[in-house]
């Protein structure tokens, strides 16, 4: 399975390519656009990852983004989603309004798909946990999550789970 992970627009945009569960290429966008701590969409980083393995976008089984906007939809300013500057914003505005109308519960993942292309938005904290799970050698792990979203959750909540290693089929 060929998975391209994209981390755009946040504190350090980057890309990583996984083939059959192994990271074979990864790079931050700043290496290509020469902007320290670049938050630009990682087009050049992604292109480099794909080229390093002789792949094209069409060869990917999945594109993942380690941030699920569904988890933050109720915090988006209404002024961002009540007006459209161009029709492409239908990709964001329609789901936001539908999610708000349904009013949860929200899923940990959401997906956009067309043809063979799949983009999966994943729970950010579970991605951190997965990093520890899949790149650590022991057979069992303990996962602890500490959050600080004071407006919607307690300032600090801790979840501790001992989880046996198993990979989720995609």
C-alpha atoms as a PDB file:
ATOM      1  CA  UNK A   1       0.000   0.000   0.000  1.00  0.00           C
ATOM      2  CA  UNK A   2       1.293   3.447  -0.945  1.00  0.00           C
ATOM      3  CA  UNK A   3       0.241   6.273   1.378  1.00  0.00           C
ATOM      4  CA  UNK A   4       1.240   9.910   1.110  1.00  0.00           C
ATOM      5  CA  UNK A   5       0.819  11.862   4.345  1.00  0.00           C
ATOM      6  CA  UNK A   6       0.419  15.616   3.952  1.00  0.00           C
ATOM      7  CA  UNK A   7       0.595  18.093   6.816  1.00  0.00           C
ATOM      8  CA  UNK A   8      -0.331  21.441   5.261  1.00  0.00           C
ATOM      9  CA  UNK A   9      -0.903  24.965   6.579  1.00  0.00           C
ATOM     10  CA  UNK A  10       0.130  24.290  10.152  1.00  0.00           C
ATOM     11  CA  UNK A  11       3.386  25.289  11.881  1.00  0.00           C
ATOM     12  CA  UNK A  12       5.561  23.229   9.520  1.00  0.00           C
ATOM     13  CA  UNK A  13       4.092  21.906   6.269  1.00  0.00           C
ATOM     14  CA  UNK A  14       5.528  18.573   5.227  1.00  0.00           C
ATOM     15  CA  UNK A  15       5.011  15.286   3.382  1.00  0.00           C
ATOM     16  CA  UNK A  16       5.921  11.675   4.037  1.00  0.00           C
ATOM     17  CA  UNK A  17       5.555   8.639   1.808  1.00  0.00           C
ATOM     18  CA  UNK A  18       4.859   5.232   3.289  1.00  0.00           C
ATOM     19  CA  UNK A  19       5.054   2.065   1.239  1.00  0.00           C
ATOM     20  CA  UNK A  20       3.791  -1.103   2.886  1.00  0.00           C
ATOM     21  CA  UNK A  21       4.006   0.501   6.329  1.00  0.00           C
ATOM     22  CA  UNK A  22       7.559   1.842   5.996  1.00  0.00           C
ATOM     23  CA  UNK A  23       8.527   5.488   5.631  1.00  0.00           C
ATOM     24  CA  UNK A  24      10.552   5.671   2.422  1.00  0.00           C
ATOM     25  CA  UNK A  25      10.669   9.463   1.970  1.00  0.00           C
ATOM     26  CA  UNK A  26       9.817  12.536   4.049  1.00  0.00           C
ATOM     27  CA  UNK A  27      10.596  16.224   3.913  1.00  0.00           C
ATOM     28  CA  UNK A  28       9.330  19.595   5.138  1.00  0.00           C
ATOM     29  CA  UNK A  29       8.235  22.108   2.510  1.00  0.00           C
ATOM     30  CA  UNK A  30      10.786  24.622   3.836  1.00  0.00           C
ATOM     31  CA  UNK A  31      13.566  22.587   2.203  1.00  0.00           C
ATOM     32  CA  UNK A  32      12.118  23.469  -1.185  1.00  0.00           C
ATOM     33  CA  UNK A  33      10.541  26.917  -0.822  1.00  0.00           C
ATOM     34  CA  UNK A  34      13.400  28.227   1.398  1.00  0.00           C
ATOM     35  CA  UNK A  35      10.908  29.752   3.870  1.00  0.00           C
ATOM     36  CA  UNK A  36      11.824  28.801   7.447  1.00  0.00           C
ATOM     37  CA  UNK A  37       8.838  27.117   9.177  1.00  0.00           C
ATOM     38  CA  UNK A  38       6.884  27.223   5.902  1.00  0.00           C
ATOM     39  CA  UNK A  39       3.129  26.796   6.180  1.00  0.00           C
ATOM     40  CA  UNK A  40       2.585  26.650   2.411  1.00  0.00           C
ATOM     41  CA  UNK A  41       0.824  23.619   0.960  1.00  0.00           C
ATOM     42  CA  UNK A  42       3.588  20.975   0.634  1.00  0.00           C
ATOM     43  CA  UNK A  43       3.416  20.601  -3.174  1.00  0.00           C
ATOM     44  CA  UNK A  44       7.182  20.484  -3.666  1.00  0.00           C
ATOM     45  CA  UNK A  45       7.760  18.221  -0.694  1.00  0.00           C
ATOM     46  CA  UNK A  46       5.086  15.790  -1.934  1.00  0.00           C
ATOM     47  CA  UNK A  47       6.495  15.859  -5.475  1.00  0.00           C
ATOM     48  CA  UNK A  48       9.966  15.069  -4.101  1.00  0.00           C
ATOM     49  CA  UNK A  49       8.644  12.141  -2.019  1.00  0.00           C
ATOM     50  CA  UNK A  50       6.844  10.683  -5.032  1.00  0.00           C
ATOM     51  CA  UNK A  51       9.763  11.234  -7.430  1.00  0.00           C
ATOM     52  CA  UNK A  52      12.198   9.579  -5.009  1.00  0.00           C
ATOM     53  CA  UNK A  53      10.264   6.330  -5.438  1.00  0.00           C
ATOM     54  CA  UNK A  54       9.364   6.748  -9.125  1.00  0.00           C
ATOM     55  CA  UNK A  55       5.656   7.297  -8.321  1.00  0.00           C
ATOM     56  CA  UNK A  56       2.934   9.624  -9.553  1.00  0.00           C
ATOM     57  CA  UNK A  57      -0.092  10.919  -7.633  1.00  0.00           C
ATOM     58  CA  UNK A  58      -2.236   8.360  -9.469  1.00  0.00           C
ATOM     59  CA  UNK A  59      -0.136   5.503  -8.030  1.00  0.00           C
ATOM     60  CA  UNK A  60      -1.165   6.298  -4.453  1.00  0.00           C
ATOM     61  CA  UNK A  61      -3.661   4.152  -2.584  1.00  0.00           C
ATOM     62  CA  UNK A  62      -4.412   6.879  -0.089  1.00  0.00           C
ATOM     63  CA  UNK A  63      -3.546  10.425   0.905  1.00  0.00           C
ATOM     64  CA  UNK A  64      -3.833  11.146   4.621  1.00  0.00           C
ATOM     65  CA  UNK A  65      -3.983  14.414   6.524  1.00  0.00           C
ATOM     66  CA  UNK A  66      -3.314  14.163  10.261  1.00  0.00           C
ATOM     67  CA  UNK A  67      -5.994  16.646  11.196  1.00  0.00           C
ATOM     68  CA  UNK A  68      -9.724  16.050  10.971  1.00  0.00           C
ATOM     69  CA  UNK A  69     -11.558  19.345  10.365  1.00  0.00           C
ATOM     70  CA  UNK A  70     -14.773  17.654  11.518  1.00  0.00           C
ATOM     71  CA  UNK A  71     -13.418  17.835  15.072  1.00  0.00           C
ATOM     72  CA  UNK A  72     -13.174  21.651  14.867  1.00  0.00           C
ATOM     73  CA  UNK A  73     -16.200  22.514  12.745  1.00  0.00           C
ATOM     74  CA  UNK A  74     -18.154  24.114  15.566  1.00  0.00           C
ATOM     75  CA  UNK A  75     -15.251  26.459  16.295  1.00  0.00           C
ATOM     76  CA  UNK A  76     -14.981  27.878  12.760  1.00  0.00           C
ATOM     77  CA  UNK A  77     -16.089  31.476  12.504  1.00  0.00           C
ATOM     78  CA  UNK A  78     -19.427  31.811  10.695  1.00  0.00           C
ATOM     79  CA  UNK A  79     -17.921  34.616   8.586  1.00  0.00           C
ATOM     80  CA  UNK A  80     -15.497  32.079   7.102  1.00  0.00           C
ATOM     81  CA  UNK A  81     -18.262  29.778   5.893  1.00  0.00           C
ATOM     82  CA  UNK A  82     -21.295  32.002   5.245  1.00  0.00           C
ATOM     83  CA  UNK A  83     -19.866  33.640   2.140  1.00  0.00           C
ATOM     84  CA  UNK A  84     -18.207  32.081  -0.857  1.00  0.00           C
ATOM     85  CA  UNK A  85     -15.526  33.796  -2.892  1.00  0.00           C
ATOM     86  CA  UNK A  86     -15.359  31.004  -5.450  1.00  0.00           C
ATOM     87  CA  UNK A  87     -17.196  27.732  -6.129  1.00  0.00           C
ATOM     88  CA  UNK A  88     -14.290  25.595  -4.962  1.00  0.00           C
ATOM     89  CA  UNK A  89     -15.243  26.531  -1.419  1.00  0.00           C
ATOM     90  CA  UNK A  90     -18.219  24.203  -1.781  1.00  0.00           C
ATOM     91  CA  UNK A  91     -15.755  21.462  -0.763  1.00  0.00           C
ATOM     92  CA  UNK A  92     -15.482  23.026   2.685  1.00  0.00           C
ATOM     93  CA  UNK A  93     -18.644  25.050   3.166  1.00  0.00           C
ATOM     94  CA  UNK A  94     -21.247  22.373   2.396  1.00  0.00           C
ATOM     95  CA  UNK A  95     -19.767  19.759   4.782  1.00  0.00           C
ATOM     96  CA  UNK A  96     -19.346  22.392   7.519  1.00  0.00           C
ATOM     97  CA  UNK A  97     -22.986  23.449   7.352  1.00  0.00           C
ATOM     98  CA  UNK A  98     -24.216  19.843   7.229  1.00  0.00           C
ATOM     99  CA  UNK A  99     -21.994  18.838  10.178  1.00  0.00           C
ATOM    100  CA  UNK A 100     -23.263  21.790  12.191  1.00  0.00           C
ATOM    101  CA  UNK A 101     -26.873  20.889  11.352  1.00  0.00           C
ATOM    102  CA  UNK A 102     -26.329  17.271  12.451  1.00  0.00           C
ATOM    103  CA  UNK A 103     -24.501  18.576  15.557  1.00  0.00           C
ATOM    104  CA  UNK A 104     -22.338  15.512  16.208  1.00  0.00           C
ATOM    105  CA  UNK A 105     -21.217  13.133  17.378  1.00  0.00           C
ATOM    106  CA  UNK A 106     -18.201  13.571  15.158  1.00  0.00           C
ATOM    107  CA  UNK A 107     -16.143  10.747  13.748  1.00  0.00           C
ATOM    108  CA  UNK A 108     -12.402  10.379  14.222  1.00  0.00           C
ATOM    109  CA  UNK A 109     -11.901  10.175  10.458  1.00  0.00           C
ATOM    110  CA  UNK A 110     -13.543  11.686   7.422  1.00  0.00           C
ATOM    111  CA  UNK A 111     -12.897  10.960   3.777  1.00  0.00           C
ATOM    112  CA  UNK A 112     -13.169  12.681   0.423  1.00  0.00           C
ATOM    113  CA  UNK A 113     -13.057  10.396  -2.581  1.00  0.00           C
ATOM    114  CA  UNK A 114     -13.273  10.709  -6.339  1.00  0.00           C
ATOM    115  CA  UNK A 115     -12.264   8.016  -8.784  1.00  0.00           C
ATOM    116  CA  UNK A 116      -9.310   6.146  -7.327  1.00  0.00           C
ATOM    117  CA  UNK A 117      -8.191   9.108  -5.202  1.00  0.00           C
ATOM    118  CA  UNK A 118      -8.897   8.921  -1.455  1.00  0.00           C
ATOM    119  CA  UNK A 119      -8.077  11.669   1.014  1.00  0.00           C
ATOM    120  CA  UNK A 120      -8.555  10.632   4.624  1.00  0.00           C
ATOM    121  CA  UNK A 121      -8.556  13.227   7.391  1.00  0.00           C
ATOM    122  CA  UNK A 122      -7.514  11.536  10.626  1.00  0.00           C
ATOM    123  CA  UNK A 123      -7.666  12.363  14.323  1.00  0.00           C
ATOM    124  CA  UNK A 124      -4.523  14.362  15.081  1.00  0.00           C
ATOM    125  CA  UNK A 125      -3.890  12.843  18.502  1.00  0.00           C
ATOM    126  CA  UNK A 126      -4.378   9.301  17.257  1.00  0.00           C
ATOM    127  CA  UNK A 127      -1.750  10.035  14.612  1.00  0.00           C
ATOM    128  CA  UNK A 128       0.704  10.946  17.377  1.00  0.00           C
ATOM    129  CA  UNK A 129      -0.165   7.703  19.167  1.00  0.00           C
ATOM    130  CA  UNK A 130       0.220   5.683  15.950  1.00  0.00           C
ATOM    131  CA  UNK A 131       3.688   7.141  15.493  1.00  0.00           C
ATOM    132  CA  UNK A 132       4.662   5.744  18.871  1.00  0.00           C
ATOM    133  CA  UNK A 133       2.957   2.419  18.205  1.00  0.00           C
ATOM    134  CA  UNK A 134       4.350   1.641  14.795  1.00  0.00           C
ATOM    135  CA  UNK A 135       7.858   2.963  15.212  1.00  0.00           C
ATOM    136  CA  UNK A 136       8.574   1.380  18.581  1.00  0.00           C
ATOM    137  CA  UNK A 137       9.849  -2.168  18.885  1.00  0.00           C
ATOM    138  CA  UNK A 138       7.963  -3.499  21.914  1.00  0.00           C
ATOM    139  CA  UNK A 139       4.830  -5.642  21.448  1.00  0.00           C
ATOM    140  CA  UNK A 140       2.583  -3.633  23.799  1.00  0.00           C
ATOM    141  CA  UNK A 141       2.226   0.096  24.326  1.00  0.00           C
ATOM    142  CA  UNK A 142       0.635   2.442  26.814  1.00  0.00           C
ATOM    143  CA  UNK A 143      -1.038   5.448  25.247  1.00  0.00           C
ATOM    144  CA  UNK A 144      -1.510   8.634  27.260  1.00  0.00           C
ATOM    145  CA  UNK A 145      -3.236  11.700  25.833  1.00  0.00           C
ATOM    146  CA  UNK A 146      -3.184  15.091  27.486  1.00  0.00           C
ATOM    147  CA  UNK A 147      -5.361  17.796  25.946  1.00  0.00           C
ATOM    148  CA  UNK A 148      -5.918  21.437  26.728  1.00  0.00           C
ATOM    149  CA  UNK A 149      -9.056  22.541  24.898  1.00  0.00           C
ATOM    150  CA  UNK A 150     -10.607  24.494  27.765  1.00  0.00           C
ATOM    151  CA  UNK A 151     -13.723  25.718  25.953  1.00  0.00           C
ATOM    152  CA  UNK A 152     -15.029  22.295  24.978  1.00  0.00           C
ATOM    153  CA  UNK A 153     -13.248  19.884  27.308  1.00  0.00           C
ATOM    154  CA  UNK A 154     -11.583  20.036  30.707  1.00  0.00           C
ATOM    155  CA  UNK A 155      -8.288  21.904  30.577  1.00  0.00           C
ATOM    156  CA  UNK A 156      -6.430  18.661  31.159  1.00  0.00           C
ATOM    157  CA  UNK A 157      -7.843  15.241  30.490  1.00  0.00           C
ATOM    158  CA  UNK A 158      -5.690  12.163  30.543  1.00  0.00           C
ATOM    159  CA  UNK A 159      -6.472   8.902  28.810  1.00  0.00           C
ATOM    160  CA  UNK A 160      -4.225   5.957  29.481  1.00  0.00           C
ATOM    161  CA  UNK A 161      -4.720   2.710  27.606  1.00  0.00           C
ATOM    162  CA  UNK A 162      -2.549  -0.334  27.179  1.00  0.00           C
ATOM    163  CA  UNK A 163      -3.043  -1.364  23.597  1.00  0.00           C
ATOM    164  CA  UNK A 164      -1.619  -4.440  21.869  1.00  0.00           C
ATOM    165  CA  UNK A 165       0.004  -3.707  18.540  1.00  0.00           C
ATOM    166  CA  UNK A 166      -2.261  -4.221  15.537  1.00  0.00           C
ATOM    167  CA  UNK A 167      -2.481  -2.336  12.320  1.00  0.00           C
ATOM    168  CA  UNK A 168      -5.790  -1.027  11.051  1.00  0.00           C
ATOM    169  CA  UNK A 169      -6.720  -2.215   7.573  1.00  0.00           C
ATOM    170  CA  UNK A 170      -7.428   0.732   5.269  1.00  0.00           C
END
